[in-house]
């Protein structure tokens, strides 16, 4: 059980994160790990030292078999809690293994087409097309409002995306035509401010999109593990294959660091295959 003092302290921390504008996912993650830390250490969180943190990380590694990604997230949560919230000058000089940069799994153009064609619900087809053609995250998609899009200029605004940053997205002209037809029919049944909504006009859940994507992938005979984020990966890779400057891709994806976007250059092997070997260019 968590000490009442610690519980109250973590509630204040949660409130501050909300006020600053952190995403609900980040807040939830931070609190999960800090609650685990509090249960493990069984001390007033204001009185811990660096040895306590090392003990907790060792416990996660040895007992829970946590990977480097989880360990780094835990350390980020703890550092933020003490440095930014409690304003404590706690020395946390721990070097953890860097998170492995795994090459993203992407869908081919044919697989994208097959996915769409094997989605029977028209709204869901539009969702797949929208996510693939804009590269938005699924959390951004479900919260998107109609007024966030400019159908005349074929652009849109993702408001307070990951990292609380706004960015511009580009819209497919074909998609805009199809969406307007869908919206005209939808308005006859339900009024909603959301770009995509349930039958009652409420925002869709992330789970709803994840479920129908898996069903469509199964029908299409796609053996890859399908998730909404795969559409985002496929969007970025497709732009690279069409020689779009990586800086533009960085902005469209909303990456704060170019290094995050660079991962897609490892996927884009089609362009590598087109390069002529220098030996073949030599004249005999």
Protein backbone atom coordinates (compact mmCIF):
# COMPACT_ATOMS: atom_id res chain seq x y z
CA UNK A 1 0.00 0.00 0.00
CA UNK A 2 1.11 3.56 -0.73
CA UNK A 3 1.69 5.85 2.21
CA UNK A 4 -1.03 8.53 2.52
CA UNK A 5 1.54 11.33 2.43
CA UNK A 6 2.99 9.97 -0.79
CA UNK A 7 -0.47 9.51 -2.27
CA UNK A 8 -1.30 13.15 -1.56
CA UNK A 9 2.05 14.28 -2.99
CA UNK A 10 1.53 12.30 -6.21
CA UNK A 11 -1.96 13.78 -6.58
CA UNK A 12 -0.45 17.28 -6.45
CA UNK A 13 2.13 16.17 -9.02
CA UNK A 14 -0.68 14.90 -11.28
CA UNK A 15 -2.51 18.23 -10.98
CA UNK A 16 0.61 20.18 -11.92
CA UNK A 17 1.23 18.00 -14.99
CA UNK A 18 -2.37 18.60 -16.07
CA UNK A 19 -2.03 22.37 -15.65
CA UNK A 20 1.25 22.46 -17.60
CA UNK A 21 -0.42 20.56 -20.43
CA UNK A 22 1.18 17.12 -20.44
CA UNK A 23 -0.72 14.47 -22.39
CA UNK A 24 -2.96 12.09 -20.45
CA UNK A 25 -0.79 9.18 -21.62
CA UNK A 26 2.41 10.76 -20.23
CA UNK A 27 0.71 11.60 -16.92
CA UNK A 28 -0.65 8.06 -16.61
CA UNK A 29 2.80 6.55 -17.34
CA UNK A 30 4.60 8.81 -14.85
CA UNK A 31 2.11 8.04 -12.10
CA UNK A 32 2.26 4.27 -12.66
CA UNK A 33 6.03 4.24 -12.22
CA UNK A 34 6.08 6.67 -9.29
CA UNK A 35 3.43 4.64 -7.50
CA UNK A 36 5.53 1.52 -8.07
CA UNK A 37 8.56 3.36 -6.71
CA UNK A 38 6.63 4.49 -3.63
CA UNK A 39 5.39 0.95 -2.90
CA UNK A 40 8.87 -0.48 -3.34
CA UNK A 41 10.83 2.05 -1.31
CA UNK A 42 8.31 2.38 1.60
CA UNK A 43 9.64 5.82 2.57
CA UNK A 44 8.51 9.41 2.42
CA UNK A 45 9.16 10.39 -1.21
CA UNK A 46 10.67 13.66 -0.01
CA UNK A 47 13.35 11.78 1.90
CA UNK A 48 14.73 9.35 -0.66
CA UNK A 49 18.30 9.36 -1.98
CA UNK A 50 20.06 8.18 -5.13
CA UNK A 51 20.73 4.76 -3.58
CA UNK A 52 16.98 4.22 -3.27
CA UNK A 53 16.56 4.91 -6.97
CA UNK A 54 19.39 2.53 -7.89
CA UNK A 55 17.79 -0.18 -5.73
CA UNK A 56 14.45 0.31 -7.49
CA UNK A 57 15.98 0.18 -10.97
CA UNK A 58 17.92 -2.93 -10.00
CA UNK A 59 14.66 -4.52 -8.80
CA UNK A 60 12.96 -3.71 -12.11
CA UNK A 61 15.86 -5.15 -14.07
CA UNK A 62 16.42 -8.32 -12.03
CA UNK A 63 12.96 -9.19 -10.74
CA UNK A 64 10.63 -7.66 -13.32
CA UNK A 65 12.95 -8.24 -16.30
CA UNK A 66 12.25 -4.71 -17.54
CA UNK A 67 13.89 -3.66 -20.81
CA UNK A 68 15.92 -0.53 -21.52
CA UNK A 69 12.87 1.37 -22.84
CA UNK A 70 10.95 0.84 -19.58
CA UNK A 71 13.99 1.61 -17.43
CA UNK A 72 14.56 4.90 -19.24
CA UNK A 73 10.88 5.84 -18.86
CA UNK A 74 11.01 5.11 -15.13
CA UNK A 75 14.13 7.23 -14.71
CA UNK A 76 12.55 10.09 -16.71
CA UNK A 77 9.49 10.00 -14.44
CA UNK A 78 11.61 10.05 -11.29
CA UNK A 79 13.89 12.82 -12.54
CA UNK A 80 10.93 14.99 -13.52
CA UNK A 81 9.25 14.42 -10.17
CA UNK A 82 12.27 15.50 -8.14
CA UNK A 83 13.84 18.15 -10.33
CA UNK A 84 10.78 19.91 -11.78
CA UNK A 85 8.12 19.27 -9.15
CA UNK A 86 9.87 19.01 -5.77
CA UNK A 87 12.77 21.26 -6.87
CA UNK A 88 15.16 18.92 -5.11
CA UNK A 89 18.79 18.91 -6.17
CA UNK A 90 18.92 15.15 -6.07
CA UNK A 91 21.95 13.76 -7.93
CA UNK A 92 20.73 10.97 -10.19
CA UNK A 93 23.81 10.12 -12.22
CA UNK A 94 22.80 6.74 -13.60
CA UNK A 95 23.70 5.59 -17.10
CA UNK A 96 21.16 3.25 -18.63
CA UNK A 97 21.40 1.42 -21.96
CA UNK A 98 19.89 3.46 -24.78
CA UNK A 99 16.59 2.33 -26.18
CA UNK A 100 17.18 0.20 -29.26
CA UNK A 101 16.18 1.94 -32.47
CA UNK A 102 14.18 -0.82 -34.10
CA UNK A 103 13.43 -0.42 -37.79
CA UNK A 104 9.68 0.29 -38.10
CA UNK A 105 7.48 -2.23 -39.88
CA UNK A 106 5.69 -0.52 -42.76
CA UNK A 107 2.95 -1.46 -45.20
CA UNK A 108 3.52 -1.54 -48.94
CA UNK A 109 1.29 0.47 -51.27
CA UNK A 110 -0.55 -2.72 -52.22
CA UNK A 111 -1.12 -3.62 -48.58
CA UNK A 112 -2.56 -0.16 -47.89
CA UNK A 113 -4.95 -0.58 -50.83
CA UNK A 114 -5.90 -4.09 -49.70
CA UNK A 115 -6.49 -2.82 -46.16
CA UNK A 116 -8.87 -0.12 -47.39
CA UNK A 117 -10.68 -2.42 -49.82
CA UNK A 118 -11.28 -4.96 -47.04
CA UNK A 119 -12.84 -2.38 -44.73
CA UNK A 120 -16.60 -2.51 -45.22
CA UNK A 121 -17.60 0.48 -43.09
CA UNK A 122 -17.27 3.73 -45.09
CA UNK A 123 -16.33 5.84 -42.07
CA UNK A 124 -13.59 3.37 -41.19
CA UNK A 125 -12.26 3.47 -44.76
CA UNK A 126 -11.96 7.25 -44.46
CA UNK A 127 -10.16 6.89 -41.12
CA UNK A 128 -7.54 4.56 -42.63
CA UNK A 129 -7.07 6.89 -45.60
CA UNK A 130 -6.82 9.93 -43.32
CA UNK A 131 -4.26 8.40 -40.98
CA UNK A 132 -2.12 7.06 -43.82
CA UNK A 133 -2.26 10.27 -45.87
CA UNK A 134 -1.54 12.65 -42.97
CA UNK A 135 0.68 10.61 -40.64
CA UNK A 136 -1.33 11.64 -37.56
CA UNK A 137 -1.14 9.58 -34.39
CA UNK A 138 -4.26 7.65 -33.44
CA UNK A 139 -4.73 9.82 -30.32
CA UNK A 140 -4.64 12.89 -32.57
CA UNK A 141 -7.09 11.35 -35.01
CA UNK A 142 -9.80 10.61 -32.44
CA UNK A 143 -9.55 14.15 -31.01
CA UNK A 144 -9.53 15.94 -34.38
CA UNK A 145 -12.38 18.41 -34.94
CA UNK A 146 -13.87 19.34 -38.31
CA UNK A 147 -12.87 22.95 -37.73
CA UNK A 148 -9.22 21.87 -37.45
CA UNK A 149 -9.21 21.26 -41.20
CA UNK A 150 -9.15 23.77 -44.07
CA UNK A 151 -10.81 21.96 -46.96
CA UNK A 152 -10.18 24.82 -49.39
CA UNK A 153 -6.42 24.80 -48.84
CA UNK A 154 -6.19 21.03 -48.22
CA UNK A 155 -4.41 21.50 -44.90
CA UNK A 156 -5.17 20.89 -41.26
CA UNK A 157 -3.89 21.74 -37.81
CA UNK A 158 -3.00 19.20 -35.16
CA UNK A 159 -3.56 21.18 -31.99
CA UNK A 160 -1.34 20.38 -29.01
CA UNK A 161 0.00 17.12 -30.37
CA UNK A 162 2.67 15.07 -28.61
CA UNK A 163 4.89 17.37 -26.58
CA UNK A 164 2.07 19.94 -26.53
CA UNK A 165 3.12 21.24 -29.97
CA UNK A 166 0.86 22.32 -32.82
CA UNK A 167 1.68 21.40 -36.42
CA UNK A 168 0.29 21.52 -39.95
CA UNK A 169 -0.78 18.45 -41.93
CA UNK A 170 -1.55 18.09 -45.63
CA UNK A 171 -4.81 16.61 -46.91
CA UNK A 172 -5.42 14.38 -49.90
CA UNK A 173 -7.66 16.11 -52.46
CA UNK A 174 -9.40 12.82 -53.18
CA UNK A 175 -9.97 12.24 -49.46
CA UNK A 176 -11.49 15.73 -49.01
CA UNK A 177 -14.05 15.03 -51.78
CA UNK A 178 -15.00 11.68 -50.23
CA UNK A 179 -15.12 13.09 -46.69
CA UNK A 180 -17.48 15.91 -47.68
CA UNK A 181 -19.91 13.31 -49.09
CA UNK A 182 -19.63 11.28 -45.89
CA UNK A 183 -20.19 14.36 -43.71
CA UNK A 184 -23.26 15.38 -45.70
CA UNK A 185 -24.84 11.98 -45.00
CA UNK A 186 -23.66 11.91 -41.37
CA UNK A 187 -25.20 15.31 -40.63
CA UNK A 188 -28.62 13.92 -41.49
CA UNK A 189 -28.29 11.44 -38.60
CA UNK A 190 -26.06 13.06 -35.99
CA UNK A 191 -24.36 16.42 -35.45
CA UNK A 192 -20.83 16.33 -34.08
CA UNK A 193 -17.81 18.61 -33.94
CA UNK A 194 -15.51 15.62 -34.28
CA UNK A 195 -13.99 14.66 -37.61
CA UNK A 196 -14.97 11.06 -36.90
CA UNK A 197 -17.57 10.14 -34.32
CA UNK A 198 -19.71 7.35 -32.92
CA UNK A 199 -23.41 6.99 -33.71
CA UNK A 200 -24.13 9.20 -30.69
CA UNK A 201 -21.80 11.97 -31.90
CA UNK A 202 -19.07 11.35 -29.35
CA UNK A 203 -15.37 11.00 -30.12
CA UNK A 204 -14.22 7.50 -31.07
CA UNK A 205 -11.97 5.55 -28.74
CA UNK A 206 -8.47 4.50 -29.75
CA UNK A 207 -9.53 0.92 -29.08
CA UNK A 208 -12.27 1.17 -31.73
CA UNK A 209 -9.74 2.02 -34.44
CA UNK A 210 -7.28 -0.63 -33.30
CA UNK A 211 -9.98 -3.31 -33.45
CA UNK A 212 -11.33 -2.59 -36.92
CA UNK A 213 -7.79 -2.27 -38.33
CA UNK A 214 -6.96 -5.78 -37.14
CA UNK A 215 -10.19 -7.15 -38.61
CA UNK A 216 -9.49 -5.48 -41.98
CA UNK A 217 -5.90 -6.74 -41.99
CA UNK A 218 -7.07 -10.30 -41.37
CA UNK A 219 -9.59 -10.06 -44.23
CA UNK A 220 -6.88 -8.64 -46.49
CA UNK A 221 -4.54 -11.51 -45.65
CA UNK A 222 -1.85 -9.18 -44.30
CA UNK A 223 0.44 -11.17 -41.99
CA UNK A 224 2.22 -8.17 -40.49
CA UNK A 225 1.21 -7.03 -37.02
CA UNK A 226 -1.12 -4.12 -37.80
CA UNK A 227 -1.63 -1.07 -35.58
CA UNK A 228 -2.62 2.56 -36.22
CA UNK A 229 1.03 3.56 -35.80
CA UNK A 230 1.97 1.36 -38.77
CA UNK A 231 -0.03 3.77 -40.96
CA UNK A 232 2.07 6.65 -39.62
CA UNK A 233 5.28 4.72 -40.34
CA UNK A 234 4.03 3.94 -43.85
CA UNK A 235 3.20 7.61 -44.47
CA UNK A 236 6.75 8.69 -43.58
CA UNK A 237 8.37 5.97 -45.66
CA UNK A 238 6.16 6.75 -48.66
CA UNK A 239 7.21 10.41 -48.55
CA UNK A 240 10.88 9.41 -48.43
CA UNK A 241 10.40 7.16 -51.44
CA UNK A 242 8.97 10.16 -53.27
CA UNK A 243 12.09 12.21 -52.45
CA UNK A 244 10.40 14.57 -49.98
CA UNK A 245 13.00 16.43 -47.91
CA UNK A 246 13.42 14.76 -44.51
CA UNK A 247 13.09 18.15 -42.78
CA UNK A 248 9.57 18.51 -44.22
CA UNK A 249 8.75 14.97 -43.08
CA UNK A 250 9.99 15.87 -39.60
CA UNK A 251 7.56 18.81 -39.48
CA UNK A 252 4.62 16.81 -40.83
CA UNK A 253 5.19 14.09 -38.23
CA UNK A 254 5.73 16.59 -35.41
CA UNK A 255 9.11 15.21 -34.36
CA UNK A 256 11.06 17.53 -32.09
CA UNK A 257 14.32 15.85 -33.02
CA UNK A 258 15.46 15.00 -36.56
CA UNK A 259 17.12 11.84 -35.21
CA UNK A 260 13.64 10.42 -34.58
CA UNK A 261 12.72 10.95 -38.24
CA UNK A 262 16.04 9.51 -39.44
CA UNK A 263 14.89 6.01 -38.47
CA UNK A 264 12.75 5.95 -41.61
CA UNK A 265 15.81 6.27 -43.82
CA UNK A 266 16.73 2.74 -42.71
CA UNK A 267 13.41 1.46 -44.01
CA UNK A 268 13.65 3.08 -47.41
CA UNK A 269 15.68 0.32 -49.09
CA UNK A 270 13.91 0.67 -52.46
CA UNK A 271 15.92 3.78 -53.24
CA UNK A 272 19.14 1.99 -52.32
CA UNK A 273 18.35 -0.71 -54.87
CA UNK A 274 18.09 1.94 -57.60
CA UNK A 275 21.64 3.19 -57.01
CA UNK A 276 24.05 2.12 -59.73
CA UNK A 277 27.10 0.36 -58.40
CA UNK A 278 30.24 2.43 -59.18
CA UNK A 279 31.93 -0.58 -60.76
CA UNK A 280 29.14 -0.82 -63.33
CA UNK A 281 29.75 2.81 -64.30
CA UNK A 282 33.38 2.17 -65.20
CA UNK A 283 34.25 1.98 -68.85
CA UNK A 284 36.34 -0.97 -69.96
